[in-house]
Amino acid sequence: MEDAFALMLAGALGSDLVLVYLIGICPVIAVSRKLETAAGLAISNLIVVPFAAVLSYAIIERLPSSASSSSLKLPLIVVTIIFCLYVLANIGAYVWPKGYKWLEPFVPLMTVNCTLLGVVLLVLLEPIGAAAVFLAGFGLALGYGLLLIVFSQVRERLAAAPVPRAFRDAPIALLSLAIIGMAASGFGSPG
């Protein structure tokens, strides 16, 4: 179990999806203009990702190990993610109606979110049990959410800064994300 907690911490602090794996750049650029939208997507990911990862793990573990079943894995993961997302959204509507109203706009975005698929695929690369898959998914979603929230604050400051016209909005956001990525990696070489 200690390995599972180490996986969670590594996912949250050291294996950021955007900065390390380049997964989820589009949602980061799209929703990070305001803290409210970034926090909404971060919370949505934090709720859905661990459960989708465990459900995908449970389904894939029960598949026979053949060439035909390996080609079924990706479509099954996608269907599992969508199923899990909508089940949790419907449960959320009954359990916490006020919070669901706040998170409701993120349900369609989460359906096509490459981050969800990326996290589940990363977590399932070397599955070591359902608890480890849950914690690793939670850690990766937590790290992604932290980056979203921090980057939304950077973007809010950039919106008020005197940025040249050619660099406004997405270009300056991508440059800022690249600088944050270099700082996170310690400006080290990739090899």
N, C-alpha and C. Protein backbone atom coordinates (compact mmCIF):
# COMPACT_ATOMS: atom_id res chain seq x y z
N MET A 1 0.82 -1.20 0.00
CA MET A 1 0.00 0.00 0.00
C MET A 1 0.86 1.26 0.00
N GLU A 2 2.06 1.18 0.55
CA GLU A 2 2.95 2.33 0.54
C GLU A 2 3.31 2.71 -0.89
N ASP A 3 3.46 1.71 -1.77
CA ASP A 3 3.74 1.99 -3.17
C ASP A 3 2.59 2.76 -3.81
N ALA A 4 1.37 2.44 -3.41
CA ALA A 4 0.20 3.12 -3.97
C ALA A 4 0.19 4.58 -3.56
N PHE A 5 0.52 4.86 -2.30
CA PHE A 5 0.58 6.26 -1.87
C PHE A 5 1.73 7.00 -2.54
N ALA A 6 2.83 6.31 -2.76
CA ALA A 6 3.94 6.91 -3.49
C ALA A 6 3.54 7.22 -4.92
N LEU A 7 2.76 6.33 -5.53
CA LEU A 7 2.24 6.58 -6.87
C LEU A 7 1.34 7.81 -6.89
N MET A 8 0.49 7.93 -5.86
CA MET A 8 -0.41 9.08 -5.79
C MET A 8 0.38 10.38 -5.66
N LEU A 9 1.38 10.40 -4.79
CA LEU A 9 2.19 11.61 -4.62
C LEU A 9 3.00 11.92 -5.87
N ALA A 10 3.52 10.89 -6.51
CA ALA A 10 4.27 11.11 -7.75
C ALA A 10 3.36 11.67 -8.83
N GLY A 11 2.14 11.18 -8.90
CA GLY A 11 1.19 11.69 -9.87
C GLY A 11 0.80 13.13 -9.60
N ALA A 12 0.63 13.45 -8.33
CA ALA A 12 0.18 14.79 -7.97
C ALA A 12 1.30 15.82 -8.09
N LEU A 13 2.52 15.43 -7.78
CA LEU A 13 3.59 16.42 -7.72
C LEU A 13 4.65 16.27 -8.80
N GLY A 14 4.89 15.06 -9.27
CA GLY A 14 6.01 14.88 -10.17
C GLY A 14 5.67 14.47 -11.58
N SER A 15 4.48 13.95 -11.80
CA SER A 15 4.13 13.45 -13.13
C SER A 15 2.95 14.23 -13.68
N ASP A 16 3.09 15.52 -13.76
CA ASP A 16 1.99 16.34 -14.25
C ASP A 16 1.67 15.99 -15.69
N LEU A 17 0.40 15.83 -15.97
CA LEU A 17 -0.03 15.41 -17.30
C LEU A 17 0.38 16.40 -18.38
N VAL A 18 0.19 17.67 -18.11
CA VAL A 18 0.47 18.68 -19.12
C VAL A 18 1.96 18.90 -19.28
N LEU A 19 2.66 19.04 -18.18
CA LEU A 19 4.06 19.41 -18.24
C LEU A 19 4.97 18.24 -18.59
N VAL A 20 4.61 17.03 -18.24
CA VAL A 20 5.47 15.88 -18.49
C VAL A 20 5.00 15.10 -19.72
N TYR A 21 3.71 14.79 -19.79
CA TYR A 21 3.20 13.94 -20.86
C TYR A 21 2.55 14.72 -22.01
N LEU A 22 2.39 16.03 -21.85
CA LEU A 22 1.73 16.89 -22.84
C LEU A 22 0.31 16.42 -23.14
N ILE A 23 -0.37 15.93 -22.13
CA ILE A 23 -1.77 15.52 -22.24
C ILE A 23 -2.63 16.60 -21.60
N GLY A 24 -3.62 17.05 -22.32
CA GLY A 24 -4.58 17.99 -21.75
C GLY A 24 -4.23 19.45 -21.92
N ILE A 25 -3.41 19.76 -22.91
CA ILE A 25 -3.07 21.17 -23.14
C ILE A 25 -4.29 21.94 -23.62
N CYS A 26 -5.10 21.34 -24.49
CA CYS A 26 -6.29 22.03 -25.01
C CYS A 26 -7.25 22.44 -23.89
N PRO A 27 -7.62 21.52 -22.96
CA PRO A 27 -8.50 21.96 -21.88
C PRO A 27 -7.85 23.01 -20.98
N VAL A 28 -6.53 22.93 -20.79
CA VAL A 28 -5.87 23.94 -19.96
C VAL A 28 -6.00 25.32 -20.60
N ILE A 29 -5.78 25.40 -21.89
CA ILE A 29 -5.89 26.68 -22.58
C ILE A 29 -7.35 27.13 -22.62
N ALA A 30 -8.28 26.20 -22.80
CA ALA A 30 -9.69 26.56 -22.96
C ALA A 30 -10.35 27.03 -21.67
N VAL A 31 -10.05 26.40 -20.54
CA VAL A 31 -10.80 26.72 -19.31
C VAL A 31 -10.01 27.50 -18.27
N SER A 32 -8.79 27.86 -18.56
CA SER A 32 -7.98 28.50 -17.52
C SER A 32 -8.05 30.02 -17.52
N ARG A 33 -9.00 30.59 -18.22
CA ARG A 33 -9.10 32.06 -18.22
C ARG A 33 -9.60 32.60 -16.88
N LYS A 34 -10.44 31.81 -16.21
CA LYS A 34 -10.98 32.24 -14.92
C LYS A 34 -10.77 31.13 -13.90
N LEU A 35 -10.61 31.53 -12.66
CA LEU A 35 -10.42 30.57 -11.57
C LEU A 35 -11.63 29.65 -11.42
N GLU A 36 -12.84 30.19 -11.59
CA GLU A 36 -14.04 29.39 -11.39
C GLU A 36 -14.12 28.24 -12.39
N THR A 37 -13.82 28.50 -13.65
CA THR A 37 -13.90 27.43 -14.64
C THR A 37 -12.76 26.43 -14.46
N ALA A 38 -11.59 26.91 -14.11
CA ALA A 38 -10.46 26.00 -13.87
C ALA A 38 -10.74 25.12 -12.67
N ALA A 39 -11.29 25.70 -11.61
CA ALA A 39 -11.62 24.91 -10.41
C ALA A 39 -12.72 23.91 -10.71
N GLY A 40 -13.68 24.29 -11.54
CA GLY A 40 -14.76 23.36 -11.91
C GLY A 40 -14.24 22.14 -12.64
N LEU A 41 -13.37 22.35 -13.61
CA LEU A 41 -12.80 21.21 -14.33
C LEU A 41 -11.88 20.40 -13.43
N ALA A 42 -11.15 21.07 -12.55
CA ALA A 42 -10.26 20.35 -11.63
C ALA A 42 -11.06 19.45 -10.69
N ILE A 43 -12.14 19.96 -10.14
CA ILE A 43 -12.97 19.17 -9.23
C ILE A 43 -13.65 18.03 -9.98
N SER A 44 -14.13 18.32 -11.19
CA SER A 44 -14.76 17.28 -12.00
C SER A 44 -13.79 16.15 -12.28
N ASN A 45 -12.57 16.50 -12.66
CA ASN A 45 -11.55 15.47 -12.91
C ASN A 45 -11.24 14.68 -11.65
N LEU A 46 -11.14 15.38 -10.54
CA LEU A 46 -10.79 14.74 -9.28
C LEU A 46 -11.85 13.73 -8.84
N ILE A 47 -13.09 14.00 -9.19
CA ILE A 47 -14.18 13.10 -8.83
C ILE A 47 -14.26 11.92 -9.79
N VAL A 48 -14.16 12.19 -11.08
CA VAL A 48 -14.43 11.16 -12.09
C VAL A 48 -13.24 10.25 -12.36
N VAL A 49 -12.04 10.81 -12.44
CA VAL A 49 -10.87 10.04 -12.90
C VAL A 49 -10.60 8.79 -12.05
N PRO A 50 -10.54 8.88 -10.74
CA PRO A 50 -10.22 7.65 -9.98
C PRO A 50 -11.24 6.53 -10.20
N PHE A 51 -12.52 6.90 -10.25
CA PHE A 51 -13.55 5.87 -10.43
C PHE A 51 -13.51 5.30 -11.85
N ALA A 52 -13.28 6.15 -12.84
CA ALA A 52 -13.18 5.66 -14.21
C ALA A 52 -11.96 4.75 -14.37
N ALA A 53 -10.88 5.08 -13.72
CA ALA A 53 -9.68 4.25 -13.79
C ALA A 53 -9.92 2.88 -13.16
N VAL A 54 -10.57 2.86 -12.00
CA VAL A 54 -10.83 1.57 -11.33
C VAL A 54 -11.82 0.73 -12.13
N LEU A 55 -12.86 1.37 -12.67
CA LEU A 55 -13.83 0.62 -13.46
C LEU A 55 -13.19 0.07 -14.74
N SER A 56 -12.37 0.86 -15.39
CA SER A 56 -11.65 0.39 -16.58
C SER A 56 -10.71 -0.75 -16.22
N TYR A 57 -10.03 -0.61 -15.09
CA TYR A 57 -9.13 -1.67 -14.63
C TYR A 57 -9.89 -2.97 -14.39
N ALA A 58 -11.05 -2.87 -13.75
CA ALA A 58 -11.85 -4.06 -13.46
C ALA A 58 -12.32 -4.74 -14.74
N ILE A 59 -12.70 -3.96 -15.72
CA ILE A 59 -13.18 -4.54 -16.97
C ILE A 59 -12.03 -5.17 -17.75
N ILE A 60 -10.91 -4.47 -17.84
CA ILE A 60 -9.76 -4.97 -18.61
C ILE A 60 -9.17 -6.22 -17.98
N GLU A 61 -9.17 -6.29 -16.65
CA GLU A 61 -8.64 -7.47 -15.98
C GLU A 61 -9.46 -8.72 -16.28
N ARG A 62 -10.71 -8.55 -16.63
CA ARG A 62 -11.58 -9.69 -16.90
C ARG A 62 -11.58 -10.10 -18.37
N LEU A 63 -10.92 -9.33 -19.22
CA LEU A 63 -10.81 -9.69 -20.63
C LEU A 63 -9.82 -10.84 -20.80
N PRO A 64 -10.10 -11.74 -21.71
CA PRO A 64 -9.10 -12.78 -21.99
C PRO A 64 -7.88 -12.16 -22.67
N SER A 65 -6.73 -12.74 -22.46
CA SER A 65 -5.52 -12.18 -23.05
C SER A 65 -5.31 -12.76 -24.44
N SER A 66 -5.92 -12.10 -25.42
CA SER A 66 -5.76 -12.51 -26.81
C SER A 66 -5.60 -11.26 -27.66
N ALA A 67 -5.25 -11.44 -28.90
CA ALA A 67 -5.04 -10.31 -29.79
C ALA A 67 -6.34 -9.55 -30.02
N SER A 68 -7.46 -10.26 -30.11
CA SER A 68 -8.74 -9.58 -30.35
C SER A 68 -9.17 -8.76 -29.14
N SER A 69 -8.87 -9.25 -27.94
CA SER A 69 -9.28 -8.48 -26.75
C SER A 69 -8.40 -7.25 -26.55
N SER A 70 -7.15 -7.29 -27.01
CA SER A 70 -6.29 -6.11 -26.86
C SER A 70 -6.77 -4.97 -27.75
N SER A 71 -7.40 -5.28 -28.88
CA SER A 71 -7.94 -4.22 -29.73
C SER A 71 -9.25 -3.68 -29.18
N LEU A 72 -9.85 -4.37 -28.24
CA LEU A 72 -11.07 -3.90 -27.60
C LEU A 72 -10.81 -2.98 -26.41
N LYS A 73 -9.59 -2.95 -25.92
CA LYS A 73 -9.30 -2.22 -24.69
C LYS A 73 -9.62 -0.73 -24.80
N LEU A 74 -9.13 -0.07 -25.83
CA LEU A 74 -9.35 1.37 -25.94
C LEU A 74 -10.83 1.73 -26.06
N PRO A 75 -11.60 1.08 -26.95
CA PRO A 75 -13.04 1.41 -26.98
C PRO A 75 -13.74 1.11 -25.65
N LEU A 76 -13.35 0.04 -24.98
CA LEU A 76 -13.95 -0.27 -23.69
C LEU A 76 -13.62 0.80 -22.65
N ILE A 77 -12.39 1.29 -22.67
CA ILE A 77 -12.00 2.35 -21.74
C ILE A 77 -12.82 3.61 -22.00
N VAL A 78 -12.99 3.97 -23.26
CA VAL A 78 -13.76 5.18 -23.60
C VAL A 78 -15.20 5.04 -23.14
N VAL A 79 -15.82 3.89 -23.42
CA VAL A 79 -17.21 3.67 -23.00
C VAL A 79 -17.30 3.66 -21.47
N THR A 80 -16.33 3.07 -20.81
CA THR A 80 -16.31 3.04 -19.34
C THR A 80 -16.21 4.44 -18.77
N ILE A 81 -15.36 5.28 -19.36
CA ILE A 81 -15.21 6.65 -18.88
C ILE A 81 -16.52 7.41 -19.04
N ILE A 82 -17.16 7.29 -20.19
CA ILE A 82 -18.42 8.00 -20.42
C ILE A 82 -19.50 7.49 -19.46
N PHE A 83 -19.57 6.18 -19.29
CA PHE A 83 -20.54 5.60 -18.35
C PHE A 83 -20.31 6.11 -16.94
N CYS A 84 -19.07 6.06 -16.50
CA CYS A 84 -18.73 6.50 -15.15
C CYS A 84 -19.03 7.99 -14.96
N LEU A 85 -18.72 8.78 -15.97
CA LEU A 85 -18.98 10.22 -15.89
C LEU A 85 -20.46 10.51 -15.71
N TYR A 86 -21.29 9.88 -16.50
CA TYR A 86 -22.72 10.17 -16.41
C TYR A 86 -23.38 9.56 -15.18
N VAL A 87 -22.89 8.42 -14.73
CA VAL A 87 -23.42 7.85 -13.48
C VAL A 87 -23.08 8.77 -12.31
N LEU A 88 -21.83 9.20 -12.24
CA LEU A 88 -21.43 10.10 -11.15
C LEU A 88 -22.14 11.45 -11.26
N ALA A 89 -22.39 11.92 -12.48
CA ALA A 89 -23.12 13.18 -12.65
C ALA A 89 -24.55 13.04 -12.16
N ASN A 90 -25.19 11.92 -12.46
CA ASN A 90 -26.57 11.71 -12.00
C ASN A 90 -26.64 11.53 -10.49
N ILE A 91 -25.68 10.84 -9.92
CA ILE A 91 -25.62 10.71 -8.47
C ILE A 91 -25.40 12.08 -7.83
N GLY A 92 -24.51 12.86 -8.41
CA GLY A 92 -24.24 14.20 -7.90
C GLY A 92 -25.46 15.10 -7.95
N ALA A 93 -26.31 14.92 -8.95
CA ALA A 93 -27.52 15.74 -9.06
C ALA A 93 -28.47 15.48 -7.90
N TYR A 94 -28.47 14.26 -7.38
CA TYR A 94 -29.35 13.93 -6.25
C TYR A 94 -28.70 14.22 -4.91
N VAL A 95 -27.41 13.95 -4.79
CA VAL A 95 -26.73 14.09 -3.51
C VAL A 95 -26.44 15.55 -3.19
N TRP A 96 -25.97 16.32 -4.18
CA TRP A 96 -25.55 17.71 -3.95
C TRP A 96 -26.05 18.57 -5.10
N PRO A 97 -27.36 18.89 -5.12
CA PRO A 97 -27.93 19.62 -6.25
C PRO A 97 -27.27 20.98 -6.51
N LYS A 98 -26.93 21.71 -5.46
CA LYS A 98 -26.32 23.02 -5.65
C LYS A 98 -24.93 22.89 -6.29
N GLY A 99 -24.15 21.94 -5.80
CA GLY A 99 -22.83 21.70 -6.39
C GLY A 99 -22.93 21.16 -7.80
N TYR A 100 -23.95 20.35 -8.06
CA TYR A 100 -24.12 19.81 -9.40
C TYR A 100 -24.43 20.92 -10.39
N LYS A 101 -25.23 21.88 -9.98
CA LYS A 101 -25.54 23.01 -10.88
C LYS A 101 -24.27 23.75 -11.26
N TRP A 102 -23.34 23.84 -10.31
CA TRP A 102 -22.07 24.52 -10.57
C TRP A 102 -21.18 23.68 -11.49
N LEU A 103 -21.20 22.36 -11.31
CA LEU A 103 -20.34 21.48 -12.10
C LEU A 103 -20.98 20.99 -13.40
N GLU A 104 -22.28 21.21 -13.56
CA GLU A 104 -23.00 20.69 -14.72
C GLU A 104 -22.41 21.11 -16.07
N PRO A 105 -21.95 22.33 -16.25
CA PRO A 105 -21.38 22.69 -17.57
C PRO A 105 -20.14 21.88 -17.94
N PHE A 106 -19.51 21.24 -16.97
CA PHE A 106 -18.28 20.50 -17.26
C PHE A 106 -18.53 19.06 -17.70
N VAL A 107 -19.77 18.58 -17.56
CA VAL A 107 -20.06 17.20 -17.94
C VAL A 107 -19.83 16.97 -19.43
N PRO A 108 -20.36 17.82 -20.34
CA PRO A 108 -20.05 17.59 -21.77
C PRO A 108 -18.56 17.74 -22.08
N LEU A 109 -17.90 18.69 -21.43
CA LEU A 109 -16.47 18.87 -21.65
C LEU A 109 -15.69 17.65 -21.19
N MET A 110 -16.10 17.07 -20.08
CA MET A 110 -15.41 15.90 -19.56
C MET A 110 -15.61 14.68 -20.47
N THR A 111 -16.74 14.64 -21.19
CA THR A 111 -17.01 13.51 -22.07
C THR A 111 -15.96 13.39 -23.16
N VAL A 112 -15.50 14.50 -23.66
CA VAL A 112 -14.52 14.48 -24.75
C VAL A 112 -13.14 14.91 -24.27
N ASN A 113 -12.93 14.89 -22.98
CA ASN A 113 -11.69 15.39 -22.42
C ASN A 113 -10.57 14.36 -22.61
N CYS A 114 -9.54 14.79 -23.29
CA CYS A 114 -8.39 13.90 -23.52
C CYS A 114 -7.67 13.60 -22.21
N THR A 115 -7.82 14.45 -21.23
CA THR A 115 -7.16 14.24 -19.95
C THR A 115 -7.67 12.98 -19.26
N LEU A 116 -8.99 12.80 -19.29
CA LEU A 116 -9.58 11.59 -18.70
C LEU A 116 -8.99 10.34 -19.33
N LEU A 117 -8.99 10.30 -20.64
CA LEU A 117 -8.46 9.13 -21.34
C LEU A 117 -6.97 8.97 -21.06
N GLY A 118 -6.25 10.07 -21.06
CA GLY A 118 -4.82 10.01 -20.79
C GLY A 118 -4.50 9.48 -19.41
N VAL A 119 -5.23 9.94 -18.42
CA VAL A 119 -4.99 9.46 -17.04
C VAL A 119 -5.28 7.97 -16.94
N VAL A 120 -6.41 7.56 -17.47
CA VAL A 120 -6.77 6.14 -17.37
C VAL A 120 -5.74 5.28 -18.10
N LEU A 121 -5.31 5.71 -19.27
CA LEU A 121 -4.30 4.93 -20.00
C LEU A 121 -2.97 4.90 -19.24
N LEU A 122 -2.57 6.03 -18.67
CA LEU A 122 -1.32 6.05 -17.91
C LEU A 122 -1.39 5.16 -16.68
N VAL A 123 -2.53 5.21 -16.00
CA VAL A 123 -2.69 4.42 -14.78
C VAL A 123 -2.70 2.93 -15.11
N LEU A 124 -3.25 2.58 -16.26
CA LEU A 124 -3.38 1.16 -16.61
C LEU A 124 -2.15 0.59 -17.30
N LEU A 125 -1.11 1.40 -17.50
CA LEU A 125 0.10 0.88 -18.12
C LEU A 125 0.71 -0.25 -17.29
N GLU A 126 0.80 -0.03 -16.00
CA GLU A 126 1.33 -1.04 -15.10
C GLU A 126 0.42 -1.17 -13.88
N PRO A 127 -0.77 -1.76 -14.07
CA PRO A 127 -1.69 -1.86 -12.93
C PRO A 127 -1.17 -2.83 -11.88
N ILE A 128 -1.27 -2.40 -10.62
CA ILE A 128 -0.81 -3.25 -9.52
C ILE A 128 -1.91 -3.48 -8.50
N GLY A 129 -3.14 -3.36 -8.94
CA GLY A 129 -4.28 -3.57 -8.05
C GLY A 129 -5.24 -2.40 -8.11
N ALA A 130 -6.47 -2.65 -7.72
CA ALA A 130 -7.51 -1.64 -7.81
C ALA A 130 -7.22 -0.43 -6.92
N ALA A 131 -6.71 -0.66 -5.72
CA ALA A 131 -6.42 0.46 -4.81
C ALA A 131 -5.31 1.34 -5.38
N ALA A 132 -4.29 0.73 -5.94
CA ALA A 132 -3.19 1.51 -6.53
C ALA A 132 -3.67 2.27 -7.75
N VAL A 133 -4.54 1.67 -8.55
CA VAL A 133 -5.09 2.35 -9.72
C VAL A 133 -5.91 3.55 -9.28
N PHE A 134 -6.72 3.37 -8.23
CA PHE A 134 -7.53 4.48 -7.70
C PHE A 134 -6.64 5.62 -7.22
N LEU A 135 -5.64 5.30 -6.42
CA LEU A 135 -4.77 6.33 -5.85
C LEU A 135 -3.92 7.01 -6.93
N ALA A 136 -3.43 6.24 -7.89
CA ALA A 136 -2.65 6.84 -8.97
C ALA A 136 -3.52 7.76 -9.81
N GLY A 137 -4.74 7.34 -10.10
CA GLY A 137 -5.68 8.20 -10.84
C GLY A 137 -6.01 9.46 -10.07
N PHE A 138 -6.21 9.30 -8.77
CA PHE A 138 -6.48 10.47 -7.92
C PHE A 138 -5.28 11.42 -7.92
N GLY A 139 -4.09 10.88 -7.81
CA GLY A 139 -2.89 11.72 -7.79
C GLY A 139 -2.69 12.47 -9.10
N LEU A 140 -2.87 11.78 -10.23
CA LEU A 140 -2.72 12.46 -11.52
C LEU A 140 -3.79 13.53 -11.71
N ALA A 141 -5.02 13.24 -11.29
CA ALA A 141 -6.09 14.24 -11.39
C ALA A 141 -5.82 15.42 -10.46
N LEU A 142 -5.26 15.14 -9.29
CA LEU A 142 -4.92 16.21 -8.36
C LEU A 142 -3.82 17.11 -8.93
N GLY A 143 -2.79 16.50 -9.49
CA GLY A 143 -1.72 17.29 -10.11
C GLY A 143 -2.23 18.14 -11.26
N TYR A 144 -3.11 17.55 -12.08
CA TYR A 144 -3.69 18.29 -13.20
C TYR A 144 -4.54 19.45 -12.69
N GLY A 145 -5.33 19.18 -11.66
CA GLY A 145 -6.16 20.23 -11.08
C GLY A 145 -5.36 21.36 -10.48
N LEU A 146 -4.26 21.02 -9.79
CA LEU A 146 -3.39 22.06 -9.23
C LEU A 146 -2.80 22.94 -10.33
N LEU A 147 -2.36 22.30 -11.42
CA LEU A 147 -1.82 23.07 -12.53
C LEU A 147 -2.90 23.97 -13.13
N LEU A 148 -4.11 23.45 -13.29
CA LEU A 148 -5.20 24.26 -13.84
C LEU A 148 -5.45 25.50 -12.99
N ILE A 149 -5.50 25.31 -11.69
CA ILE A 149 -5.81 26.43 -10.79
C ILE A 149 -4.67 27.45 -10.78
N VAL A 150 -3.43 26.97 -10.70
CA VAL A 150 -2.28 27.89 -10.72
C VAL A 150 -2.21 28.62 -12.06
N PHE A 151 -2.42 27.88 -13.14
CA PHE A 151 -2.32 28.50 -14.45
C PHE A 151 -3.46 29.49 -14.70
N SER A 152 -4.63 29.24 -14.09
CA SER A 152 -5.71 30.22 -14.23
C SER A 152 -5.33 31.55 -13.59
N GLN A 153 -4.59 31.48 -12.49
CA GLN A 153 -4.13 32.72 -11.86
C GLN A 153 -3.09 33.43 -12.73
N VAL A 154 -2.23 32.68 -13.38
CA VAL A 154 -1.27 33.26 -14.31
C VAL A 154 -2.00 33.93 -15.46
N ARG A 155 -3.01 33.26 -16.01
CA ARG A 155 -3.76 33.82 -17.14
C ARG A 155 -4.55 35.06 -16.75
N GLU A 156 -5.09 35.08 -15.52
CA GLU A 156 -5.81 36.27 -15.09
C GLU A 156 -4.87 37.47 -14.99
N ARG A 157 -3.64 37.23 -14.56
CA ARG A 157 -2.66 38.32 -14.51
C ARG A 157 -2.20 38.72 -15.90
N LEU A 158 -2.07 37.74 -16.79
CA LEU A 158 -1.67 38.05 -18.16
C LEU A 158 -2.74 38.86 -18.89
N ALA A 159 -4.01 38.64 -18.55
CA ALA A 159 -5.10 39.38 -19.18
C ALA A 159 -5.02 40.87 -18.86
N ALA A 160 -4.47 41.19 -17.71
CA ALA A 160 -4.34 42.59 -17.31
C ALA A 160 -2.99 43.19 -17.72
N ALA A 161 -2.08 42.35 -18.21
CA ALA A 161 -0.73 42.83 -18.57
C ALA A 161 -0.72 43.40 -19.98
N PRO A 162 0.23 44.30 -20.23
CA PRO A 162 0.34 44.88 -21.58
C PRO A 162 1.07 43.91 -22.53
N VAL A 163 0.34 42.94 -23.03
CA VAL A 163 0.89 41.92 -23.94
C VAL A 163 0.72 42.41 -25.37
N PRO A 164 1.74 42.29 -26.22
CA PRO A 164 1.58 42.69 -27.63
C PRO A 164 0.42 41.95 -28.28
N ARG A 165 -0.23 42.60 -29.22
CA ARG A 165 -1.44 42.08 -29.84
C ARG A 165 -1.25 40.68 -30.42
N ALA A 166 -0.14 40.43 -31.06
CA ALA A 166 0.10 39.12 -31.69
C ALA A 166 0.21 37.99 -30.67
N PHE A 167 0.51 38.33 -29.44
CA PHE A 167 0.71 37.30 -28.41
C PHE A 167 -0.48 37.16 -27.46
N ARG A 168 -1.53 37.94 -27.64
CA ARG A 168 -2.65 37.89 -26.70
C ARG A 168 -3.38 36.55 -26.76
N ASP A 169 -3.92 36.16 -25.64
CA ASP A 169 -4.74 34.97 -25.42
C ASP A 169 -3.95 33.67 -25.57
N ALA A 170 -4.22 32.86 -26.57
CA ALA A 170 -3.61 31.52 -26.65
C ALA A 170 -2.09 31.55 -26.83
N PRO A 171 -1.53 32.42 -27.67
CA PRO A 171 -0.06 32.39 -27.82
C PRO A 171 0.69 32.66 -26.52
N ILE A 172 0.27 33.67 -25.76
CA ILE A 172 0.97 33.97 -24.51
C ILE A 172 0.70 32.88 -23.48
N ALA A 173 -0.49 32.27 -23.56
CA ALA A 173 -0.79 31.16 -22.65
C ALA A 173 0.12 29.97 -22.93
N LEU A 174 0.32 29.65 -24.20
CA LEU A 174 1.21 28.53 -24.55
C LEU A 174 2.65 28.83 -24.15
N LEU A 175 3.09 30.06 -24.38
CA LEU A 175 4.45 30.43 -23.97
C LEU A 175 4.61 30.36 -22.46
N SER A 176 3.62 30.83 -21.75
CA SER A 176 3.66 30.77 -20.28
C SER A 176 3.67 29.34 -19.79
N LEU A 177 2.88 28.49 -20.43
CA LEU A 177 2.86 27.07 -20.06
C LEU A 177 4.21 26.42 -20.33
N ALA A 178 4.85 26.81 -21.43
CA ALA A 178 6.18 26.27 -21.74
C ALA A 178 7.20 26.71 -20.69
N ILE A 179 7.12 27.95 -20.25
CA ILE A 179 8.05 28.45 -19.23
C ILE A 179 7.81 27.74 -17.90
N ILE A 180 6.54 27.54 -17.56
CA ILE A 180 6.22 26.81 -16.33
C ILE A 180 6.75 25.38 -16.42
N GLY A 181 6.61 24.76 -17.58
CA GLY A 181 7.11 23.41 -17.77
C GLY A 181 8.62 23.33 -17.64
N MET A 182 9.32 24.33 -18.21
CA MET A 182 10.78 24.35 -18.07
C MET A 182 11.19 24.56 -16.62
N ALA A 183 10.48 25.43 -15.93
CA ALA A 183 10.79 25.68 -14.52
C ALA A 183 10.53 24.43 -13.69
N ALA A 184 9.45 23.72 -13.99
CA ALA A 184 9.13 22.51 -13.25
C ALA A 184 10.17 21.41 -13.48
N SER A 185 10.74 21.39 -14.68
CA SER A 185 11.74 20.36 -14.97
C SER A 185 13.14 20.81 -14.57
N GLY A 186 13.28 22.01 -14.06
CA GLY A 186 14.58 22.51 -13.64
C GLY A 186 15.47 22.89 -14.82
N PHE A 187 14.83 23.21 -15.96
CA PHE A 187 15.55 23.58 -17.19
C PHE A 187 16.53 22.50 -17.58
N GLY A 188 16.27 21.27 -17.18
CA GLY A 188 17.16 20.16 -17.52
C GLY A 188 16.98 19.68 -18.94
N SER A 189 17.95 18.96 -19.42
CA SER A 189 17.85 18.42 -20.77
C SER A 189 16.99 17.17 -20.73
N PRO A 190 16.26 16.88 -21.83
CA PRO A 190 15.39 15.73 -21.83
C PRO A 190 16.11 14.39 -21.79
N GLY A 191 17.37 14.36 -22.15
CA GLY A 191 18.08 13.08 -22.20
C GLY A 191 18.97 12.96 -21.10
